[in-house]
N, C-alpha and C. Protein backbone atom coordinates (compact mmCIF):
# COMPACT_ATOMS: atom_id res chain seq x y z
N MET A 1 49.26 104.68 -29.19
CA MET A 1 51.26 105.85 -28.73
C MET A 1 50.51 107.20 -28.15
N GLY A 2 50.90 107.39 -27.71
CA GLY A 2 51.03 109.08 -27.56
C GLY A 2 51.54 109.65 -26.43
N GLY A 3 51.69 110.77 -25.52
CA GLY A 3 52.37 111.57 -25.29
C GLY A 3 51.90 112.79 -25.05
N GLY A 4 52.27 113.81 -23.62
CA GLY A 4 51.42 115.45 -23.89
C GLY A 4 52.88 116.07 -23.20
N THR A 5 52.22 116.82 -22.41
CA THR A 5 53.22 117.47 -21.87
C THR A 5 52.51 117.96 -20.77
N PHE A 6 52.94 118.71 -18.91
CA PHE A 6 52.78 118.50 -18.01
C PHE A 6 53.29 119.88 -18.00
N ARG A 7 52.52 121.02 -18.39
CA ARG A 7 53.37 122.36 -18.67
C ARG A 7 53.89 123.13 -16.94
N LYS A 8 52.99 122.22 -15.92
CA LYS A 8 52.50 123.97 -14.71
C LYS A 8 52.27 122.83 -14.09
N GLY A 9 52.10 123.14 -12.77
CA GLY A 9 52.26 122.41 -11.47
C GLY A 9 53.33 122.57 -10.00
N SER A 10 52.99 122.06 -8.74
CA SER A 10 53.07 122.04 -7.88
C SER A 10 53.59 120.85 -7.20
N LEU A 11 54.86 120.55 -6.32
CA LEU A 11 54.78 119.54 -5.63
C LEU A 11 55.10 119.79 -4.17
N LYS A 12 54.33 118.89 -3.20
CA LYS A 12 54.32 119.15 -2.22
C LYS A 12 55.02 118.35 -1.66
N ASP A 13 56.08 118.09 -0.70
CA ASP A 13 56.96 117.03 -0.28
C ASP A 13 57.57 116.98 1.13
N GLU A 14 56.80 115.60 1.36
CA GLU A 14 56.73 116.01 2.94
C GLU A 14 57.59 114.67 3.61
N ASP A 15 58.16 114.88 4.61
CA ASP A 15 59.44 113.86 5.86
C ASP A 15 58.49 114.11 6.71
N PHE A 16 57.96 112.64 7.38
CA PHE A 16 57.55 112.17 8.53
C PHE A 16 58.68 111.77 10.04
N VAL A 17 58.48 111.92 11.08
CA VAL A 17 59.80 111.18 11.67
C VAL A 17 59.47 109.59 11.41
N LEU A 18 60.22 109.34 10.68
CA LEU A 18 60.08 107.64 10.45
C LEU A 18 62.11 107.66 10.08
N PRO A 19 62.13 106.01 10.40
CA PRO A 19 63.37 106.13 10.19
C PRO A 19 64.11 106.24 8.63
N PRO A 20 64.83 107.20 8.18
CA PRO A 20 65.50 107.35 9.53
C PRO A 20 64.61 108.96 10.79
N PRO A 21 65.21 108.53 11.37
CA PRO A 21 64.81 109.91 12.08
C PRO A 21 64.72 111.36 11.18
N LEU A 22 63.38 112.59 11.32
CA LEU A 22 63.58 113.73 11.12
C LEU A 22 62.61 114.43 11.45
N ASN A 23 63.45 115.39 12.02
CA ASN A 23 62.72 116.07 13.24
C ASN A 23 63.65 117.92 13.85
N PRO A 24 62.62 118.47 13.44
CA PRO A 24 60.80 118.22 13.02
C PRO A 24 60.27 117.61 11.48
N TYR A 25 59.29 118.14 11.92
CA TYR A 25 58.63 118.13 10.69
C TYR A 25 58.79 118.92 9.71
N SER A 26 58.66 118.30 7.69
CA SER A 26 59.63 119.07 7.00
C SER A 26 58.23 118.92 5.75
N ALA A 27 57.65 119.94 5.47
CA ALA A 27 57.60 120.12 3.97
C ALA A 27 58.27 121.21 3.41
N THR A 28 58.05 120.77 1.59
CA THR A 28 59.00 121.62 1.36
C THR A 28 57.44 121.51 -0.34
N LEU A 29 57.53 123.36 -1.17
CA LEU A 29 56.46 123.47 -1.76
C LEU A 29 57.93 124.10 -3.21
N SER A 30 57.38 122.78 -4.27
CA SER A 30 57.93 123.55 -5.49
C SER A 30 56.98 123.68 -6.43
N ILE A 31 57.90 124.07 -7.55
CA ILE A 31 56.88 124.42 -8.71
C ILE A 31 57.63 123.64 -10.20
N GLN A 32 56.36 123.18 -10.33
CA GLN A 32 56.41 121.91 -11.22
C GLN A 32 56.64 122.42 -12.91
N GLN A 33 57.52 122.15 -13.53
CA GLN A 33 57.44 123.29 -15.40
C GLN A 33 57.74 122.07 -16.18
N ASN A 34 57.46 121.76 -17.68
CA ASN A 34 57.80 121.10 -18.63
C ASN A 34 57.45 119.61 -18.09
N GLY A 35 57.14 119.09 -17.61
CA GLY A 35 56.79 117.50 -17.73
C GLY A 35 56.64 116.63 -19.41
N SER A 36 56.64 115.46 -19.21
CA SER A 36 56.31 114.84 -20.59
C SER A 36 56.45 113.30 -20.05
N PRO A 37 55.01 112.88 -20.74
CA PRO A 37 54.50 111.52 -20.47
C PRO A 37 54.36 110.75 -21.76
N ILE A 38 55.16 109.55 -22.47
CA ILE A 38 54.80 109.17 -23.12
C ILE A 38 54.84 108.06 -23.37
N TYR A 39 53.57 106.97 -23.62
CA TYR A 39 53.69 105.63 -24.24
C TYR A 39 52.97 105.26 -25.29
N ALA A 40 53.29 103.78 -24.79
CA ALA A 40 52.22 102.88 -26.07
C ALA A 40 52.39 101.71 -25.29
N ASN A 41 51.21 101.27 -26.93
CA ASN A 41 50.60 99.94 -25.99
C ASN A 41 50.57 99.33 -27.49
N ILE A 42 51.36 98.17 -28.10
CA ILE A 42 51.57 97.18 -28.70
C ILE A 42 50.86 95.40 -28.18
N ASP A 43 49.23 95.25 -29.14
CA ASP A 43 49.26 94.56 -28.27
C ASP A 43 48.99 93.59 -29.43
N ALA A 44 48.90 91.83 -29.90
CA ALA A 44 48.71 90.96 -30.82
C ALA A 44 48.01 89.63 -30.66
N GLY A 45 47.37 89.49 -31.04
CA GLY A 45 46.05 88.16 -30.53
C GLY A 45 45.91 87.07 -31.87
N PHE A 46 45.81 86.27 -31.95
CA PHE A 46 44.97 85.32 -32.77
C PHE A 46 44.45 84.05 -32.32
N ASN A 47 43.61 82.92 -33.62
CA ASN A 47 43.10 81.58 -32.87
C ASN A 47 44.05 80.40 -33.29
N VAL A 48 43.64 79.56 -32.22
CA VAL A 48 44.80 78.45 -32.28
C VAL A 48 43.83 77.76 -33.13
N PHE A 49 42.86 77.43 -32.87
CA PHE A 49 41.77 75.95 -32.55
C PHE A 49 40.49 76.63 -33.00
N TRP A 50 39.56 76.45 -33.80
CA TRP A 50 38.25 76.95 -33.93
C TRP A 50 37.27 75.75 -34.33
N GLY A 51 36.55 75.88 -33.76
CA GLY A 51 35.38 74.80 -34.12
C GLY A 51 33.92 76.12 -34.96
N PRO A 52 32.85 74.94 -35.22
CA PRO A 52 31.56 76.72 -35.23
C PRO A 52 30.88 76.95 -34.55
N ASP A 53 31.29 76.63 -33.03
CA ASP A 53 30.76 77.25 -31.85
C ASP A 53 31.84 77.87 -31.12
N PHE A 54 32.94 77.63 -31.01
CA PHE A 54 34.72 77.78 -30.01
C PHE A 54 35.78 78.57 -31.43
N ARG A 55 36.14 79.60 -30.42
CA ARG A 55 37.46 79.20 -30.52
C ARG A 55 38.58 78.93 -29.52
N VAL A 56 40.16 79.22 -29.72
CA VAL A 56 41.28 79.56 -28.33
C VAL A 56 41.40 79.69 -29.14
N GLY A 57 42.46 80.79 -28.60
CA GLY A 57 43.02 81.97 -28.96
C GLY A 57 44.47 81.79 -27.82
N LEU A 58 45.54 82.78 -28.35
CA LEU A 58 46.04 83.24 -27.36
C LEU A 58 46.45 84.94 -27.92
N PHE A 59 46.28 85.41 -26.87
CA PHE A 59 47.10 86.77 -26.57
C PHE A 59 47.96 88.04 -25.94
N GLY A 60 48.54 88.73 -26.75
CA GLY A 60 49.39 88.93 -26.09
C GLY A 60 49.94 90.51 -26.60
N GLY A 61 50.65 91.24 -25.13
CA GLY A 61 50.66 92.10 -25.63
C GLY A 61 52.19 93.57 -24.28
N VAL A 62 52.69 94.61 -25.01
CA VAL A 62 53.62 94.81 -23.89
C VAL A 62 53.24 96.47 -23.66
N HIS A 63 53.37 97.13 -22.64
CA HIS A 63 52.98 98.42 -22.62
C HIS A 63 54.41 98.97 -22.41
N TYR A 64 54.74 100.04 -22.85
CA TYR A 64 55.56 101.13 -22.24
C TYR A 64 55.75 102.24 -21.95
N LEU A 65 56.04 103.15 -20.54
CA LEU A 65 55.29 104.01 -19.98
C LEU A 65 56.93 104.71 -20.21
N ASN A 66 56.58 105.84 -19.39
CA ASN A 66 58.33 106.94 -19.79
C ASN A 66 57.90 108.93 -19.34
N GLU A 67 57.22 108.91 -18.34
CA GLU A 67 57.23 110.40 -17.78
C GLU A 67 58.37 110.70 -16.91
N THR A 68 58.50 112.23 -17.40
CA THR A 68 59.64 113.08 -16.63
C THR A 68 59.18 114.39 -16.50
N VAL A 69 59.18 114.49 -14.98
CA VAL A 69 58.70 115.85 -14.40
C VAL A 69 59.88 116.47 -13.20
N SER A 70 59.87 117.65 -13.91
CA SER A 70 61.77 118.56 -12.90
C SER A 70 60.50 119.40 -11.86
N ALA A 71 61.02 119.45 -10.88
CA ALA A 71 60.28 120.40 -10.12
C ALA A 71 61.39 121.60 -9.70
N PHE A 72 61.16 122.92 -9.94
CA PHE A 72 62.09 123.56 -9.54
C PHE A 72 61.98 124.96 -8.14
N GLY A 73 62.39 125.55 -7.70
CA GLY A 73 62.54 125.76 -6.20
C GLY A 73 62.54 125.26 -5.14
N CYS A 74 62.64 125.56 -3.83
CA CYS A 74 62.99 124.33 -2.71
C CYS A 74 61.88 126.07 -1.87
N ASN A 75 60.53 125.46 -1.61
CA ASN A 75 60.46 126.45 0.11
C ASN A 75 59.80 125.89 1.38
N GLN A 76 59.94 126.31 2.37
CA GLN A 76 59.38 125.05 3.32
C GLN A 76 59.16 125.87 3.77
N ILE A 77 57.31 124.98 4.02
CA ILE A 77 56.30 125.51 4.31
C ILE A 77 56.08 124.98 5.82
N ALA A 78 56.66 124.20 6.61
CA ALA A 78 56.96 123.85 7.79
C ALA A 78 57.30 124.46 8.86
N PHE A 79 58.22 123.23 8.94
CA PHE A 79 59.13 124.49 10.82
C PHE A 79 60.37 123.84 10.42
N ASN A 80 61.07 123.49 9.96
CA ASN A 80 62.45 122.59 9.31
C ASN A 80 62.94 123.79 8.73
N PRO A 81 63.85 124.00 9.77
CA PRO A 81 64.99 124.93 8.74
C PRO A 81 66.30 124.67 8.42
N TYR A 82 66.65 122.94 8.46
CA TYR A 82 67.66 122.53 7.85
C TYR A 82 67.21 122.51 6.60
N ILE A 83 65.69 122.35 5.75
CA ILE A 83 65.34 121.64 4.96
C ILE A 83 64.63 123.03 4.50
N CYS A 84 65.49 123.60 2.90
CA CYS A 84 64.71 124.60 2.60
C CYS A 84 64.95 126.15 3.60
N GLY A 85 65.13 125.73 4.19
CA GLY A 85 64.70 127.08 5.27
C GLY A 85 65.38 127.63 5.04
N ALA A 86 66.51 128.24 6.09
CA ALA A 86 67.73 129.04 5.85
C ALA A 86 67.80 129.90 4.80
N PHE A 87 68.56 129.31 3.46
CA PHE A 87 68.12 129.43 2.35
C PHE A 87 67.32 128.75 1.03
N PRO A 88 66.21 129.06 1.19
CA PRO A 88 65.55 128.09 -0.49
C PRO A 88 66.03 128.82 -1.56
N LEU A 89 65.70 127.41 -2.12
CA LEU A 89 66.47 127.74 -3.57
C LEU A 89 65.09 128.50 -4.13
N PRO A 90 65.37 129.32 -5.40
CA PRO A 90 65.03 129.85 -6.29
C PRO A 90 64.36 129.07 -7.42
N ASN A 91 63.20 130.56 -8.07
CA ASN A 91 62.51 129.08 -8.94
C ASN A 91 62.84 128.78 -10.50
N GLN A 92 63.68 129.14 -10.43
CA GLN A 92 64.54 128.72 -11.29
C GLN A 92 65.89 127.80 -11.68
N VAL A 93 65.90 127.44 -10.47
CA VAL A 93 66.99 126.52 -10.14
C VAL A 93 66.26 125.40 -9.70
N LYS A 94 66.08 123.55 -10.28
CA LYS A 94 66.19 122.42 -10.98
C LYS A 94 66.25 121.43 -9.18
N GLY A 95 65.48 121.11 -8.64
CA GLY A 95 65.36 120.64 -7.07
C GLY A 95 65.23 119.66 -6.98
N ILE A 96 64.63 118.70 -8.22
CA ILE A 96 63.88 117.58 -8.75
C ILE A 96 63.46 116.87 -9.67
N THR A 97 64.49 115.61 -10.20
CA THR A 97 63.60 115.19 -12.05
C THR A 97 63.35 113.88 -11.17
């Protein structure tokens, strides 16, 4: 079992001209704060048949992962005025989780 925190970082979101078309190209930058990864593993196994020089067994396991990351603010760093361009979001406003 384990966990941790993503204390700070940044998220760069790029949108290209693909279906649905987005023209012109967009690239936004947001700051990342207070994310958390949580994970756990459980494994078990046992021998079904065995002899003096062999073993046949079963082994199984489960893995759990929960990761949360939130990005705050939105600043256009490319040339698209329609996404965060005219009114960029301040860094106190959560934009993506």
